[in-house]
Amino acid sequence: MENNTAQEAVSSSPGDAPAEAAAETDAAKNSKSKKKKKKRSAAYYAVTFFIKIGLTVLAVWVLLTYVGGISMCHDNSAYPMIKDGDLILTYRLDDYRQGDVAVYKRDDTVHFGRVIACSGDTVDINGDYVTVNGYGLYEDTVYPTSAEGAAVSFPYTVPENSIFVLNDYRSNINDSRTYGAIPADETEGKAVFVMRRRGI
């Protein structure tokens, strides 16, 4: 009986050795990994923070320069859709269509004009009646359109890659009646969202 017990002890000891060796190896690896992990300094966190801020600023700049933008209206030329004091979100990566509101600059002033015609279209104003390519223009504006005081003559053909815009408040002729067609690549984009800041 004693011999059997001794044999079992002898036979079991070789099998336990690899397990113990593996455990010792794992413990050594864990201790080494703990030693390798160094405490991060305040300078590291400061640099990381400023890198994140810089990347965020760069992303916002790219979005506001090449994708869209924010403009503020300072008059009532686009009334009643856009009022004095409103903030307008614009989008650049889209072609203009009749009825869109384009944001553009002339005389160092931001303007908001309703797109009446695009490249190759012919605009005519007879009295208070506006036609595009010989067809009457259906509009939801309450103000009559006049060519009186216009700097361009009608009928007017819109040049390539340009748009013809009219103010929604038609008595104000500081639009394509004064400036002519607006090159599409000189605009700030089309208005896609209006944030009302006054008279809510």
N, C-alpha and C. Protein backbone atom coordinates (compact mmCIF):
# COMPACT_ATOMS: atom_id res chain seq x y z
N MET A 1 0.83 -1.20 0.00
CA MET A 1 0.00 0.00 0.00
C MET A 1 0.87 1.25 0.00
N GLU A 2 1.92 1.25 0.82
CA GLU A 2 2.81 2.38 0.88
C GLU A 2 3.54 2.57 -0.43
N ASN A 3 3.88 1.43 -1.06
CA ASN A 3 4.56 1.53 -2.34
C ASN A 3 3.69 2.18 -3.39
N ASN A 4 2.39 1.83 -3.38
CA ASN A 4 1.46 2.44 -4.34
C ASN A 4 1.37 3.95 -4.14
N THR A 5 1.30 4.36 -2.88
CA THR A 5 1.20 5.80 -2.58
C THR A 5 2.45 6.53 -3.04
N ALA A 6 3.57 5.93 -2.81
CA ALA A 6 4.83 6.55 -3.23
C ALA A 6 4.90 6.67 -4.72
N GLN A 7 4.43 5.61 -5.42
CA GLN A 7 4.45 5.63 -6.88
C GLN A 7 3.53 6.71 -7.43
N GLU A 8 2.34 6.86 -6.76
CA GLU A 8 1.40 7.91 -7.20
C GLU A 8 2.00 9.29 -7.02
N ALA A 9 2.70 9.49 -5.90
CA ALA A 9 3.33 10.79 -5.64
C ALA A 9 4.40 11.09 -6.67
N VAL A 10 5.17 10.04 -7.01
CA VAL A 10 6.24 10.22 -7.98
C VAL A 10 5.66 10.48 -9.36
N SER A 11 4.59 9.72 -9.69
CA SER A 11 3.99 9.86 -11.02
C SER A 11 3.25 11.18 -11.18
N SER A 12 2.73 11.74 -10.08
CA SER A 12 1.97 12.99 -10.18
C SER A 12 2.88 14.21 -10.21
N SER A 13 4.06 14.11 -9.60
CA SER A 13 4.94 15.27 -9.53
C SER A 13 5.43 15.75 -10.89
N PRO A 14 5.76 14.90 -11.85
CA PRO A 14 6.17 15.41 -13.15
C PRO A 14 5.07 16.17 -13.87
N GLY A 15 3.81 15.76 -13.68
CA GLY A 15 2.70 16.45 -14.36
C GLY A 15 2.46 17.82 -13.78
N ASP A 16 2.73 18.04 -12.51
CA ASP A 16 2.48 19.33 -11.88
C ASP A 16 3.57 20.35 -12.21
N ALA A 17 4.73 19.92 -12.58
CA ALA A 17 5.85 20.82 -12.83
C ALA A 17 5.59 21.80 -13.97
N PRO A 18 5.08 21.35 -15.12
CA PRO A 18 4.79 22.31 -16.20
C PRO A 18 3.78 23.37 -15.79
N ALA A 19 2.77 22.95 -15.03
CA ALA A 19 1.74 23.90 -14.61
C ALA A 19 2.34 24.98 -13.71
N GLU A 20 3.21 24.55 -12.80
CA GLU A 20 3.85 25.50 -11.89
C GLU A 20 4.77 26.45 -12.67
N ALA A 21 5.47 25.88 -13.65
CA ALA A 21 6.37 26.70 -14.46
C ALA A 21 5.59 27.74 -15.26
N ALA A 22 4.42 27.32 -15.80
CA ALA A 22 3.59 28.25 -16.57
C ALA A 22 3.06 29.36 -15.67
N ALA A 23 2.67 28.99 -14.45
CA ALA A 23 2.17 29.99 -13.51
C ALA A 23 3.25 31.00 -13.16
N GLU A 24 4.49 30.48 -12.98
CA GLU A 24 5.59 31.39 -12.66
C GLU A 24 5.89 32.32 -13.84
N THR A 25 5.76 31.78 -15.08
CA THR A 25 6.01 32.60 -16.27
C THR A 25 4.98 33.72 -16.39
N ASP A 26 3.69 33.38 -16.16
CA ASP A 26 2.61 34.38 -16.21
C ASP A 26 2.82 35.45 -15.16
N ALA A 27 3.22 35.03 -13.97
CA ALA A 27 3.46 36.00 -12.90
C ALA A 27 4.60 36.94 -13.26
N ALA A 28 5.63 36.38 -13.90
CA ALA A 28 6.76 37.21 -14.31
C ALA A 28 6.34 38.22 -15.36
N LYS A 29 5.52 37.75 -16.33
CA LYS A 29 5.03 38.65 -17.38
C LYS A 29 4.19 39.78 -16.80
N ASN A 30 3.29 39.42 -15.86
CA ASN A 30 2.43 40.44 -15.23
C ASN A 30 3.26 41.48 -14.48
N SER A 31 4.29 41.00 -13.78
CA SER A 31 5.12 41.95 -13.03
C SER A 31 5.88 42.88 -13.97
N LYS A 32 6.34 42.31 -15.12
CA LYS A 32 7.05 43.14 -16.09
C LYS A 32 6.13 44.18 -16.71
N SER A 33 4.87 43.74 -17.06
CA SER A 33 3.93 44.69 -17.67
C SER A 33 3.56 45.80 -16.71
N LYS A 34 3.50 45.46 -15.43
CA LYS A 34 3.20 46.49 -14.44
C LYS A 34 4.34 47.50 -14.34
N LYS A 35 5.56 46.98 -14.46
CA LYS A 35 6.71 47.86 -14.40
C LYS A 35 6.76 48.79 -15.61
N LYS A 36 6.33 48.25 -16.78
CA LYS A 36 6.39 49.04 -18.00
C LYS A 36 5.39 50.19 -17.99
N LYS A 37 4.24 50.01 -17.35
CA LYS A 37 3.21 51.04 -17.30
C LYS A 37 3.67 52.18 -16.38
N LYS A 38 3.95 53.30 -17.03
CA LYS A 38 4.39 54.46 -16.26
C LYS A 38 3.24 55.43 -16.03
N LYS A 39 3.30 56.13 -14.98
CA LYS A 39 2.28 57.13 -14.69
C LYS A 39 2.42 58.29 -15.67
N ARG A 40 1.27 58.69 -16.28
CA ARG A 40 1.28 59.79 -17.24
C ARG A 40 1.32 61.13 -16.51
N SER A 41 2.16 62.01 -17.02
CA SER A 41 2.36 63.30 -16.36
C SER A 41 1.28 64.30 -16.75
N ALA A 42 1.26 65.41 -16.04
CA ALA A 42 0.32 66.48 -16.36
C ALA A 42 0.59 67.06 -17.73
N ALA A 43 1.86 67.09 -18.11
CA ALA A 43 2.23 67.61 -19.43
C ALA A 43 1.62 66.76 -20.55
N TYR A 44 1.63 65.44 -20.34
CA TYR A 44 1.04 64.52 -21.34
C TYR A 44 -0.44 64.84 -21.53
N TYR A 45 -1.17 64.99 -20.42
CA TYR A 45 -2.61 65.28 -20.51
C TYR A 45 -2.85 66.66 -21.12
N ALA A 46 -2.00 67.61 -20.83
CA ALA A 46 -2.16 68.95 -21.40
C ALA A 46 -1.95 68.92 -22.91
N VAL A 47 -0.91 68.22 -23.37
CA VAL A 47 -0.65 68.11 -24.81
C VAL A 47 -1.81 67.41 -25.51
N THR A 48 -2.29 66.31 -24.92
CA THR A 48 -3.43 65.57 -25.50
C THR A 48 -4.65 66.46 -25.60
N PHE A 49 -4.91 67.24 -24.56
CA PHE A 49 -6.08 68.14 -24.55
C PHE A 49 -5.99 69.17 -25.68
N PHE A 50 -4.82 69.79 -25.83
CA PHE A 50 -4.67 70.83 -26.87
C PHE A 50 -4.71 70.23 -28.27
N ILE A 51 -4.23 69.01 -28.43
CA ILE A 51 -4.33 68.34 -29.73
C ILE A 51 -5.79 68.12 -30.10
N LYS A 52 -6.60 67.68 -29.13
CA LYS A 52 -8.02 67.46 -29.37
C LYS A 52 -8.73 68.77 -29.71
N ILE A 53 -8.37 69.83 -28.99
CA ILE A 53 -8.96 71.14 -29.27
C ILE A 53 -8.59 71.60 -30.67
N GLY A 54 -7.33 71.41 -31.06
CA GLY A 54 -6.87 71.81 -32.38
C GLY A 54 -7.59 71.05 -33.49
N LEU A 55 -7.76 69.74 -33.31
CA LEU A 55 -8.46 68.94 -34.31
C LEU A 55 -9.92 69.35 -34.42
N THR A 56 -10.54 69.68 -33.28
CA THR A 56 -11.93 70.13 -33.30
C THR A 56 -12.08 71.45 -34.04
N VAL A 57 -11.18 72.38 -33.75
CA VAL A 57 -11.21 73.68 -34.43
C VAL A 57 -11.01 73.51 -35.93
N LEU A 58 -10.08 72.64 -36.31
CA LEU A 58 -9.82 72.38 -37.74
C LEU A 58 -11.05 71.80 -38.42
N ALA A 59 -11.71 70.84 -37.76
CA ALA A 59 -12.91 70.23 -38.33
C ALA A 59 -14.02 71.25 -38.52
N VAL A 60 -14.21 72.12 -37.51
CA VAL A 60 -15.25 73.16 -37.61
C VAL A 60 -14.92 74.14 -38.73
N TRP A 61 -13.63 74.51 -38.85
CA TRP A 61 -13.22 75.43 -39.92
C TRP A 61 -13.48 74.84 -41.29
N VAL A 62 -13.16 73.57 -41.48
CA VAL A 62 -13.41 72.91 -42.77
C VAL A 62 -14.90 72.89 -43.08
N LEU A 63 -15.72 72.56 -42.09
CA LEU A 63 -17.17 72.52 -42.30
C LEU A 63 -17.72 73.89 -42.68
N LEU A 64 -17.29 74.94 -41.97
CA LEU A 64 -17.82 76.27 -42.21
C LEU A 64 -17.24 76.93 -43.45
N THR A 65 -16.13 76.40 -43.96
CA THR A 65 -15.49 76.98 -45.14
C THR A 65 -15.91 76.29 -46.42
N TYR A 66 -16.00 74.97 -46.38
CA TYR A 66 -16.24 74.21 -47.61
C TYR A 66 -17.60 73.52 -47.68
N VAL A 67 -18.25 73.35 -46.56
CA VAL A 67 -19.53 72.62 -46.54
C VAL A 67 -20.71 73.55 -46.30
N GLY A 68 -20.60 74.39 -45.32
CA GLY A 68 -21.70 75.29 -44.99
C GLY A 68 -21.20 76.52 -44.27
N GLY A 69 -22.11 77.25 -43.68
CA GLY A 69 -21.72 78.45 -42.96
C GLY A 69 -22.90 79.02 -42.18
N ILE A 70 -22.63 80.09 -41.45
CA ILE A 70 -23.66 80.77 -40.67
C ILE A 70 -23.61 82.25 -41.02
N SER A 71 -24.76 82.82 -41.36
CA SER A 71 -24.84 84.24 -41.70
C SER A 71 -25.95 84.88 -40.89
N MET A 72 -25.84 86.20 -40.70
CA MET A 72 -26.88 86.94 -39.99
C MET A 72 -27.49 87.98 -40.93
N CYS A 73 -28.79 88.09 -40.87
CA CYS A 73 -29.50 89.08 -41.68
C CYS A 73 -29.57 90.40 -40.92
N HIS A 74 -29.23 91.49 -41.62
CA HIS A 74 -29.23 92.80 -40.98
C HIS A 74 -30.24 93.75 -41.62
N ASP A 75 -31.12 93.24 -42.45
CA ASP A 75 -32.16 94.08 -43.04
C ASP A 75 -33.39 93.23 -43.32
N ASN A 76 -34.37 93.81 -43.99
CA ASN A 76 -35.60 93.08 -44.28
C ASN A 76 -35.79 92.84 -45.79
N SER A 77 -34.66 92.75 -46.52
CA SER A 77 -34.76 92.53 -47.96
C SER A 77 -35.36 91.16 -48.30
N ALA A 78 -35.23 90.20 -47.39
CA ALA A 78 -35.79 88.87 -47.61
C ALA A 78 -37.08 88.64 -46.83
N TYR A 79 -37.65 89.71 -46.32
CA TYR A 79 -38.90 89.61 -45.54
C TYR A 79 -40.03 89.13 -46.45
N PRO A 80 -40.92 88.23 -45.98
CA PRO A 80 -41.13 87.79 -44.59
C PRO A 80 -40.42 86.49 -44.21
N MET A 81 -39.78 85.80 -45.19
CA MET A 81 -39.14 84.53 -44.85
C MET A 81 -37.99 84.73 -43.87
N ILE A 82 -37.14 85.72 -44.15
CA ILE A 82 -36.00 86.01 -43.28
C ILE A 82 -36.13 87.43 -42.78
N LYS A 83 -36.02 87.59 -41.47
CA LYS A 83 -36.20 88.91 -40.86
C LYS A 83 -34.88 89.43 -40.30
N ASP A 84 -34.88 90.72 -40.04
CA ASP A 84 -33.71 91.37 -39.46
C ASP A 84 -33.34 90.69 -38.15
N GLY A 85 -32.07 90.28 -38.03
CA GLY A 85 -31.59 89.63 -36.80
C GLY A 85 -31.59 88.13 -36.85
N ASP A 86 -32.16 87.52 -37.89
CA ASP A 86 -32.19 86.06 -37.99
C ASP A 86 -30.81 85.50 -38.31
N LEU A 87 -30.55 84.30 -37.79
CA LEU A 87 -29.34 83.56 -38.14
C LEU A 87 -29.70 82.52 -39.18
N ILE A 88 -28.89 82.41 -40.23
CA ILE A 88 -29.20 81.51 -41.34
C ILE A 88 -28.06 80.51 -41.51
N LEU A 89 -28.42 79.23 -41.52
CA LEU A 89 -27.45 78.18 -41.79
C LEU A 89 -27.45 77.90 -43.29
N THR A 90 -26.26 77.90 -43.90
CA THR A 90 -26.15 77.71 -45.34
C THR A 90 -25.45 76.40 -45.67
N TYR A 91 -25.72 75.92 -46.90
CA TYR A 91 -25.11 74.68 -47.39
C TYR A 91 -24.55 74.95 -48.78
N ARG A 92 -23.28 74.59 -49.00
CA ARG A 92 -22.59 74.93 -50.24
C ARG A 92 -22.61 73.83 -51.29
N LEU A 93 -22.70 72.57 -50.88
CA LEU A 93 -22.46 71.45 -51.78
C LEU A 93 -23.73 71.01 -52.50
N ASP A 94 -24.39 71.95 -53.15
CA ASP A 94 -25.61 71.62 -53.89
C ASP A 94 -25.84 72.66 -54.96
N ASP A 95 -26.43 72.25 -56.07
CA ASP A 95 -26.74 73.18 -57.15
C ASP A 95 -27.98 73.99 -56.80
N TYR A 96 -28.04 75.21 -57.33
CA TYR A 96 -29.20 76.06 -57.08
C TYR A 96 -30.36 75.68 -58.00
N ARG A 97 -31.54 75.82 -57.44
CA ARG A 97 -32.77 75.60 -58.19
C ARG A 97 -33.70 76.79 -57.98
N GLN A 98 -34.59 76.97 -58.90
CA GLN A 98 -35.54 78.07 -58.78
C GLN A 98 -36.32 77.95 -57.47
N GLY A 99 -36.37 79.04 -56.72
CA GLY A 99 -37.05 79.03 -55.43
C GLY A 99 -36.12 78.98 -54.23
N ASP A 100 -34.86 78.55 -54.44
CA ASP A 100 -33.89 78.54 -53.34
C ASP A 100 -33.57 79.97 -52.91
N VAL A 101 -33.08 80.10 -51.69
CA VAL A 101 -32.60 81.39 -51.20
C VAL A 101 -31.08 81.34 -51.15
N ALA A 102 -30.43 82.19 -51.94
CA ALA A 102 -28.98 82.23 -52.00
C ALA A 102 -28.44 83.33 -51.08
N VAL A 103 -27.33 83.04 -50.43
CA VAL A 103 -26.66 84.01 -49.57
C VAL A 103 -25.39 84.45 -50.30
N TYR A 104 -25.23 85.75 -50.49
CA TYR A 104 -24.08 86.26 -51.23
C TYR A 104 -23.68 87.63 -50.67
N LYS A 105 -22.49 88.09 -51.05
CA LYS A 105 -21.99 89.38 -50.58
C LYS A 105 -21.81 90.34 -51.74
N ARG A 106 -22.27 91.55 -51.55
CA ARG A 106 -22.03 92.65 -52.47
C ARG A 106 -21.87 93.92 -51.65
N ASP A 107 -20.91 94.75 -52.01
CA ASP A 107 -20.64 95.99 -51.28
C ASP A 107 -20.38 95.73 -49.80
N ASP A 108 -19.65 94.63 -49.53
CA ASP A 108 -19.30 94.24 -48.15
C ASP A 108 -20.53 94.01 -47.28
N THR A 109 -21.64 93.67 -47.92
CA THR A 109 -22.88 93.41 -47.18
C THR A 109 -23.43 92.04 -47.58
N VAL A 110 -23.94 91.30 -46.61
CA VAL A 110 -24.53 90.00 -46.89
C VAL A 110 -25.96 90.20 -47.38
N HIS A 111 -26.29 89.55 -48.49
CA HIS A 111 -27.63 89.64 -49.07
C HIS A 111 -28.26 88.25 -49.14
N PHE A 112 -29.59 88.23 -49.12
CA PHE A 112 -30.34 86.99 -49.21
C PHE A 112 -31.33 87.13 -50.37
N GLY A 113 -31.07 86.41 -51.46
CA GLY A 113 -31.91 86.57 -52.64
C GLY A 113 -32.59 85.29 -53.06
N ARG A 114 -33.83 85.44 -53.51
CA ARG A 114 -34.59 84.30 -54.02
C ARG A 114 -34.13 83.99 -55.45
N VAL A 115 -33.74 82.74 -55.70
CA VAL A 115 -33.29 82.35 -57.03
C VAL A 115 -34.49 82.30 -57.97
N ILE A 116 -34.44 83.16 -59.00
CA ILE A 116 -35.51 83.23 -59.98
C ILE A 116 -35.17 82.44 -61.24
N ALA A 117 -33.89 82.48 -61.63
CA ALA A 117 -33.46 81.81 -62.84
C ALA A 117 -32.01 81.35 -62.69
N CYS A 118 -31.65 80.34 -63.49
CA CYS A 118 -30.29 79.80 -63.46
C CYS A 118 -29.63 79.95 -64.84
N SER A 119 -28.48 79.34 -65.00
CA SER A 119 -27.68 79.50 -66.23
C SER A 119 -28.52 79.28 -67.49
N GLY A 120 -28.43 80.25 -68.42
CA GLY A 120 -29.09 80.11 -69.70
C GLY A 120 -30.54 80.55 -69.73
N ASP A 121 -31.16 80.78 -68.56
CA ASP A 121 -32.55 81.22 -68.52
C ASP A 121 -32.64 82.70 -68.89
N THR A 122 -33.79 83.08 -69.45
CA THR A 122 -34.04 84.48 -69.81
C THR A 122 -35.13 85.05 -68.93
N VAL A 123 -34.79 86.12 -68.22
CA VAL A 123 -35.72 86.76 -67.29
C VAL A 123 -36.25 88.04 -67.92
N ASP A 124 -37.55 88.26 -67.76
CA ASP A 124 -38.15 89.51 -68.24
C ASP A 124 -39.10 90.03 -67.18
N ILE A 125 -39.15 91.34 -67.05
CA ILE A 125 -40.07 91.97 -66.10
C ILE A 125 -40.87 93.02 -66.87
N ASN A 126 -42.15 92.80 -67.00
CA ASN A 126 -43.06 93.74 -67.66
C ASN A 126 -44.05 94.25 -66.63
N GLY A 127 -43.89 95.50 -66.24
CA GLY A 127 -44.76 96.02 -65.19
C GLY A 127 -44.44 95.31 -63.89
N ASP A 128 -45.43 94.61 -63.34
CA ASP A 128 -45.22 93.83 -62.12
C ASP A 128 -45.14 92.34 -62.41
N TYR A 129 -45.03 91.99 -63.68
CA TYR A 129 -45.12 90.59 -64.08
C TYR A 129 -43.74 90.06 -64.45
N VAL A 130 -43.33 88.97 -63.80
CA VAL A 130 -42.01 88.36 -64.04
C VAL A 130 -42.20 87.08 -64.84
N THR A 131 -41.42 86.94 -65.92
CA THR A 131 -41.43 85.70 -66.70
C THR A 131 -40.01 85.14 -66.79
N VAL A 132 -39.93 83.82 -66.86
CA VAL A 132 -38.66 83.13 -67.06
C VAL A 132 -38.82 82.20 -68.25
N ASN A 133 -38.06 82.44 -69.29
CA ASN A 133 -38.16 81.68 -70.54
C ASN A 133 -39.58 81.75 -71.13
N GLY A 134 -40.21 82.92 -70.94
CA GLY A 134 -41.52 83.14 -71.52
C GLY A 134 -42.68 82.66 -70.66
N TYR A 135 -42.40 82.02 -69.54
CA TYR A 135 -43.46 81.51 -68.67
C TYR A 135 -43.58 82.37 -67.41
N GLY A 136 -44.80 82.61 -67.00
CA GLY A 136 -45.03 83.39 -65.79
C GLY A 136 -44.46 82.70 -64.58
N LEU A 137 -43.93 83.48 -63.67
CA LEU A 137 -43.29 82.93 -62.47
C LEU A 137 -44.31 82.85 -61.34
N TYR A 138 -44.52 81.64 -60.85
CA TYR A 138 -45.43 81.48 -59.73
C TYR A 138 -44.67 81.72 -58.44
N GLU A 139 -45.12 82.70 -57.68
CA GLU A 139 -44.44 83.04 -56.43
C GLU A 139 -45.45 83.25 -55.32
N ASP A 140 -44.95 83.06 -54.11
CA ASP A 140 -45.79 83.25 -52.93
C ASP A 140 -45.46 84.57 -52.25
N THR A 141 -45.00 85.56 -53.04
CA THR A 141 -44.65 86.86 -52.46
C THR A 141 -45.81 87.84 -52.60
N VAL A 142 -45.92 88.73 -51.64
CA VAL A 142 -47.04 89.68 -51.64
C VAL A 142 -46.62 91.03 -52.18
N TYR A 143 -45.33 91.16 -52.55
CA TYR A 143 -44.84 92.45 -53.01
C TYR A 143 -44.68 92.46 -54.52
N PRO A 144 -45.13 93.50 -55.19
CA PRO A 144 -45.00 93.59 -56.65
C PRO A 144 -43.55 93.77 -57.08
N THR A 145 -43.22 93.23 -58.25
CA THR A 145 -41.86 93.32 -58.78
C THR A 145 -41.81 94.40 -59.85
N SER A 146 -40.82 95.26 -59.76
CA SER A 146 -40.70 96.34 -60.73
C SER A 146 -39.26 96.38 -61.27
N ALA A 147 -39.13 96.75 -62.53
CA ALA A 147 -37.81 96.92 -63.13
C ALA A 147 -37.34 98.37 -63.06
N GLU A 148 -38.15 99.22 -62.45
CA GLU A 148 -37.80 100.64 -62.36
C GLU A 148 -36.54 100.83 -61.52
N GLY A 149 -35.58 101.53 -62.06
CA GLY A 149 -34.33 101.78 -61.36
C GLY A 149 -33.31 100.67 -61.53
N ALA A 150 -33.64 99.64 -62.31
CA ALA A 150 -32.72 98.53 -62.50
C ALA A 150 -31.50 98.95 -63.31
N ALA A 151 -30.35 98.37 -62.99
CA ALA A 151 -29.11 98.66 -63.70
C ALA A 151 -28.92 97.75 -64.90
N VAL A 152 -29.73 96.72 -65.03
CA VAL A 152 -29.65 95.81 -66.18
C VAL A 152 -30.91 95.99 -67.01
N SER A 153 -30.81 95.63 -68.27
CA SER A 153 -31.97 95.75 -69.16
C SER A 153 -32.62 94.39 -69.36
N PHE A 154 -33.90 94.42 -69.60
CA PHE A 154 -34.67 93.19 -69.78
C PHE A 154 -35.23 93.14 -71.20
N PRO A 155 -35.36 91.92 -71.76
CA PRO A 155 -35.06 90.61 -71.15
C PRO A 155 -33.58 90.41 -70.91
N TYR A 156 -33.29 89.63 -69.87
CA TYR A 156 -31.90 89.42 -69.42
C TYR A 156 -31.62 87.92 -69.41
N THR A 157 -30.55 87.51 -70.08
CA THR A 157 -30.16 86.09 -70.11
C THR A 157 -29.07 85.85 -69.08
N VAL A 158 -29.30 84.86 -68.23
CA VAL A 158 -28.37 84.56 -67.13
C VAL A 158 -27.12 83.87 -67.69
N PRO A 159 -25.92 84.40 -67.40
CA PRO A 159 -24.68 83.78 -67.88
C PRO A 159 -24.47 82.38 -67.29
N GLU A 160 -23.50 81.69 -67.85
CA GLU A 160 -23.16 80.34 -67.39
C GLU A 160 -22.68 80.37 -65.94
N ASN A 161 -23.08 79.33 -65.20
CA ASN A 161 -22.66 79.16 -63.80
C ASN A 161 -23.04 80.36 -62.93
N SER A 162 -24.18 80.95 -63.22
CA SER A 162 -24.65 82.11 -62.44
C SER A 162 -26.13 81.93 -62.11
N ILE A 163 -26.62 82.77 -61.21
CA ILE A 163 -28.03 82.74 -60.82
C ILE A 163 -28.56 84.18 -60.82
N PHE A 164 -29.84 84.29 -61.09
CA PHE A 164 -30.52 85.59 -61.04
C PHE A 164 -31.42 85.58 -59.81
N VAL A 165 -31.20 86.55 -58.91
CA VAL A 165 -31.94 86.56 -57.65
C VAL A 165 -32.73 87.86 -57.50
N LEU A 166 -33.86 87.74 -56.82
CA LEU A 166 -34.68 88.89 -56.45
C LEU A 166 -34.94 88.86 -54.95
N ASN A 167 -34.97 90.02 -54.34
CA ASN A 167 -35.34 90.09 -52.93
C ASN A 167 -36.81 89.73 -52.77
N ASP A 168 -37.15 89.05 -51.67
CA ASP A 168 -38.57 88.79 -51.40
C ASP A 168 -39.31 90.10 -51.16
N TYR A 169 -38.62 91.07 -50.57
CA TYR A 169 -39.20 92.41 -50.43
C TYR A 169 -38.82 93.17 -51.69
N ARG A 170 -39.66 93.09 -52.71
CA ARG A 170 -39.30 93.51 -54.05
C ARG A 170 -39.06 95.01 -54.21
N SER A 171 -39.52 95.83 -53.28
CA SER A 171 -39.26 97.27 -53.37
C SER A 171 -37.78 97.58 -53.22
N ASN A 172 -37.04 96.68 -52.57
CA ASN A 172 -35.59 96.82 -52.43
C ASN A 172 -34.95 96.17 -53.66
N ILE A 173 -34.38 97.01 -54.54
CA ILE A 173 -33.85 96.48 -55.79
C ILE A 173 -32.36 96.15 -55.71
N ASN A 174 -31.82 96.07 -54.50
CA ASN A 174 -30.43 95.65 -54.35
C ASN A 174 -30.32 94.14 -54.49
N ASP A 175 -30.58 93.68 -55.69
CA ASP A 175 -30.50 92.27 -56.03
C ASP A 175 -29.96 92.18 -57.45
N SER A 176 -30.36 91.18 -58.23
CA SER A 176 -29.84 91.05 -59.59
C SER A 176 -30.31 92.17 -60.51
N ARG A 177 -31.33 92.91 -60.10
CA ARG A 177 -31.73 94.07 -60.89
C ARG A 177 -30.66 95.16 -60.84
N THR A 178 -29.89 95.17 -59.76
CA THR A 178 -28.79 96.13 -59.61
C THR A 178 -27.44 95.50 -59.91
N TYR A 179 -27.20 94.29 -59.37
CA TYR A 179 -25.89 93.67 -59.48
C TYR A 179 -25.75 92.75 -60.70
N GLY A 180 -26.83 92.46 -61.37
CA GLY A 180 -26.78 91.48 -62.44
C GLY A 180 -26.75 90.08 -61.85
N ALA A 181 -26.49 89.09 -62.71
CA ALA A 181 -26.45 87.70 -62.24
C ALA A 181 -25.30 87.52 -61.25
N ILE A 182 -25.50 86.62 -60.28
CA ILE A 182 -24.49 86.35 -59.27
C ILE A 182 -23.80 85.03 -59.61
N PRO A 183 -22.47 85.04 -59.82
CA PRO A 183 -21.76 83.77 -60.05
C PRO A 183 -21.97 82.82 -58.88
N ALA A 184 -22.33 81.59 -59.19
CA ALA A 184 -22.65 80.62 -58.14
C ALA A 184 -21.47 80.37 -57.21
N ASP A 185 -20.25 80.42 -57.75
CA ASP A 185 -19.08 80.14 -56.90
C ASP A 185 -18.70 81.33 -56.02
N GLU A 186 -19.40 82.44 -56.16
CA GLU A 186 -19.16 83.59 -55.30
C GLU A 186 -20.19 83.71 -54.18
N THR A 187 -21.10 82.76 -54.10
CA THR A 187 -22.13 82.80 -53.06
C THR A 187 -21.62 82.09 -51.80
N GLU A 188 -22.32 82.35 -50.71
CA GLU A 188 -22.00 81.70 -49.43
C GLU A 188 -22.74 80.37 -49.29
N GLY A 189 -23.61 80.07 -50.24
CA GLY A 189 -24.40 78.84 -50.18
C GLY A 189 -25.89 79.15 -50.16
N LYS A 190 -26.69 78.09 -50.13
CA LYS A 190 -28.14 78.27 -50.07
C LYS A 190 -28.61 78.16 -48.63
N ALA A 191 -29.62 78.95 -48.30
CA ALA A 191 -30.17 78.92 -46.94
C ALA A 191 -30.95 77.63 -46.73
N VAL A 192 -30.61 76.90 -45.67
CA VAL A 192 -31.30 75.64 -45.39
C VAL A 192 -32.01 75.65 -44.04
N PHE A 193 -31.65 76.63 -43.19
CA PHE A 193 -32.30 76.70 -41.88
C PHE A 193 -32.24 78.13 -41.37
N VAL A 194 -33.36 78.60 -40.84
CA VAL A 194 -33.45 79.96 -40.30
C VAL A 194 -33.73 79.88 -38.81
N MET A 195 -32.86 80.51 -38.04
CA MET A 195 -33.06 80.58 -36.58
C MET A 195 -33.55 81.97 -36.23
N ARG A 196 -34.81 82.03 -35.81
CA ARG A 196 -35.41 83.32 -35.49
C ARG A 196 -34.96 83.80 -34.12
N ARG A 197 -34.40 84.97 -34.07
CA ARG A 197 -33.85 85.51 -32.82
C ARG A 197 -34.69 86.66 -32.25
N ARG A 198 -35.59 87.20 -33.05
CA ARG A 198 -36.41 88.32 -32.57
C ARG A 198 -37.86 88.07 -32.92
N GLY A 199 -38.72 88.60 -32.13
CA GLY A 199 -40.15 88.53 -32.40
C GLY A 199 -40.73 87.13 -32.33
N ILE A 200 -40.08 86.26 -31.52
CA ILE A 200 -40.60 84.89 -31.39
C ILE A 200 -41.85 84.88 -30.52
